[in-house]
Amino acid sequence: MGKVKGLLMTAEAVLYEGLNDRGWTNEQTLAFIKKELGQMAYDHAKGVLEDWNELDNHNNERKVSDGDS
């Protein structure tokens, strides 16, 4: 595995762990990633988090519209 791919996979693992296992906020988790892993990992983790938020928002909209039926 390449170094960049390994870094990005580590960033995703830290993102998940920070949010789910440690109970950190989005901002705390991203700050930790930036400090410990660097800007590239931070940018990747931020993008993953934005994707997750978009998916959550989409799923919540579907639940609301399903409840209106």
C-alpha atoms as a PDB file:
ATOM      1  CA  MET A   1       0.000   0.000   0.000  1.00  0.00           C
ATOM      2  CA  GLY A   2       1.271   3.467  -0.817  1.00  0.00           C
ATOM      3  CA  LYS A   3       2.108   6.000   1.859  1.00  0.00           C
ATOM      4  CA  VAL A   4      -0.628   8.417   0.817  1.00  0.00           C
ATOM      5  CA  LYS A   5      -3.301   5.724   0.792  1.00  0.00           C
ATOM      6  CA  GLY A   6      -2.145   4.572   4.215  1.00  0.00           C
ATOM      7  CA  LEU A   7      -2.296   8.127   5.545  1.00  0.00           C
ATOM      8  CA  LEU A   8      -5.826   8.644   4.232  1.00  0.00           C
ATOM      9  CA  MET A   9      -6.999   5.334   5.668  1.00  0.00           C
ATOM     10  CA  THR A  10      -5.491   6.287   9.024  1.00  0.00           C
ATOM     11  CA  ALA A  11      -7.257   9.654   8.864  1.00  0.00           C
ATOM     12  CA  GLU A  12     -10.598   7.909   8.290  1.00  0.00           C
ATOM     13  CA  ALA A  13      -9.960   5.519  11.176  1.00  0.00           C
ATOM     14  CA  VAL A  14      -9.055   8.386  13.509  1.00  0.00           C
ATOM     15  CA  LEU A  15     -12.128  10.319  12.349  1.00  0.00           C
ATOM     16  CA  TYR A  16     -14.397   7.390  13.180  1.00  0.00           C
ATOM     17  CA  GLU A  17     -12.674   6.700  16.495  1.00  0.00           C
ATOM     18  CA  GLY A  18     -12.733  10.339  17.579  1.00  0.00           C
ATOM     19  CA  LEU A  19     -16.410  10.785  16.834  1.00  0.00           C
ATOM     20  CA  ASN A  20     -17.756   7.406  17.909  1.00  0.00           C
ATOM     21  CA  ASP A  21     -15.409   5.976  20.513  1.00  0.00           C
ATOM     22  CA  ARG A  22     -13.984   9.082  22.162  1.00  0.00           C
ATOM     23  CA  GLY A  23     -17.080  11.270  21.900  1.00  0.00           C
ATOM     24  CA  TRP A  24     -15.183  14.237  20.439  1.00  0.00           C
ATOM     25  CA  THR A  25     -16.914  16.932  18.440  1.00  0.00           C
ATOM     26  CA  ASN A  26     -16.305  17.282  14.713  1.00  0.00           C
ATOM     27  CA  GLU A  27     -13.997  20.225  15.375  1.00  0.00           C
ATOM     28  CA  GLN A  28     -11.995  18.408  18.073  1.00  0.00           C
ATOM     29  CA  THR A  29     -11.532  15.377  15.868  1.00  0.00           C
ATOM     30  CA  LEU A  30     -10.463  17.388  12.830  1.00  0.00           C
ATOM     31  CA  ALA A  31      -8.047  19.468  14.929  1.00  0.00           C
ATOM     32  CA  PHE A  32      -6.485  16.283  16.304  1.00  0.00           C
ATOM     33  CA  ILE A  33      -6.101  14.849  12.802  1.00  0.00           C
ATOM     34  CA  LYS A  34      -4.502  18.054  11.532  1.00  0.00           C
ATOM     35  CA  LYS A  35      -2.081  18.201  14.462  1.00  0.00           C
ATOM     36  CA  GLU A  36      -1.106  14.530  14.409  1.00  0.00           C
ATOM     37  CA  LEU A  37      -1.371  13.614  10.717  1.00  0.00           C
ATOM     38  CA  GLY A  38      -1.048  16.882   8.797  1.00  0.00           C
ATOM     39  CA  GLN A  39      -2.961  18.999   6.303  1.00  0.00           C
ATOM     40  CA  MET A  40      -3.552  16.308   3.679  1.00  0.00           C
ATOM     41  CA  ALA A  41      -5.108  13.971   6.237  1.00  0.00           C
ATOM     42  CA  TYR A  42      -7.174  16.857   7.638  1.00  0.00           C
ATOM     43  CA  ASP A  43      -8.502  17.792   4.194  1.00  0.00           C
ATOM     44  CA  HIS A  44      -9.433  14.183   3.482  1.00  0.00           C
ATOM     45  CA  ALA A  45     -11.118  13.686   6.859  1.00  0.00           C
ATOM     46  CA  LYS A  46     -13.050  16.928   6.455  1.00  0.00           C
ATOM     47  CA  GLY A  47     -14.304  15.736   3.060  1.00  0.00           C
ATOM     48  CA  VAL A  48     -15.351  12.375   4.486  1.00  0.00           C
ATOM     49  CA  LEU A  49     -17.163  14.134   7.329  1.00  0.00           C
ATOM     50  CA  GLU A  50     -18.972  16.404   4.849  1.00  0.00           C
ATOM     51  CA  ASP A  51     -20.030  13.323   2.857  1.00  0.00           C
ATOM     52  CA  TRP A  52     -21.343  11.674   6.024  1.00  0.00           C
ATOM     53  CA  ASN A  53     -23.258  14.824   6.965  1.00  0.00           C
ATOM     54  CA  GLU A  54     -24.762  15.071   3.499  1.00  0.00           C
ATOM     55  CA  LEU A  55     -25.851  11.431   3.668  1.00  0.00           C
ATOM     56  CA  ASP A  56     -27.343  11.974   7.140  1.00  0.00           C
ATOM     57  CA  ASN A  57     -29.246  15.033   5.915  1.00  0.00           C
ATOM     58  CA  HIS A  58     -30.547  13.126   2.916  1.00  0.00           C
ATOM     59  CA  ASN A  59     -31.680  10.222   5.105  1.00  0.00           C
ATOM     60  CA  ASN A  60     -33.386  12.603   7.538  1.00  0.00           C
ATOM     61  CA  GLU A  61     -35.244  14.275   4.669  1.00  0.00           C
ATOM     62  CA  ARG A  62     -36.466  10.851   3.498  1.00  0.00           C
ATOM     63  CA  LYS A  63     -37.679   9.997   7.008  1.00  0.00           C
ATOM     64  CA  VAL A  64     -39.627  13.264   7.218  1.00  0.00           C
ATOM     65  CA  SER A  65     -41.200  12.799   3.806  1.00  0.00           C
ATOM     66  CA  ASP A  66     -42.001   9.148   4.577  1.00  0.00           C
ATOM     67  CA  GLY A  67     -43.746  10.297   7.758  1.00  0.00           C
ATOM     68  CA  ASP A  68     -45.969  12.644   5.785  1.00  0.00           C
ATOM     69  CA  SER A  69     -47.537   9.785   3.813  1.00  0.00           C
END
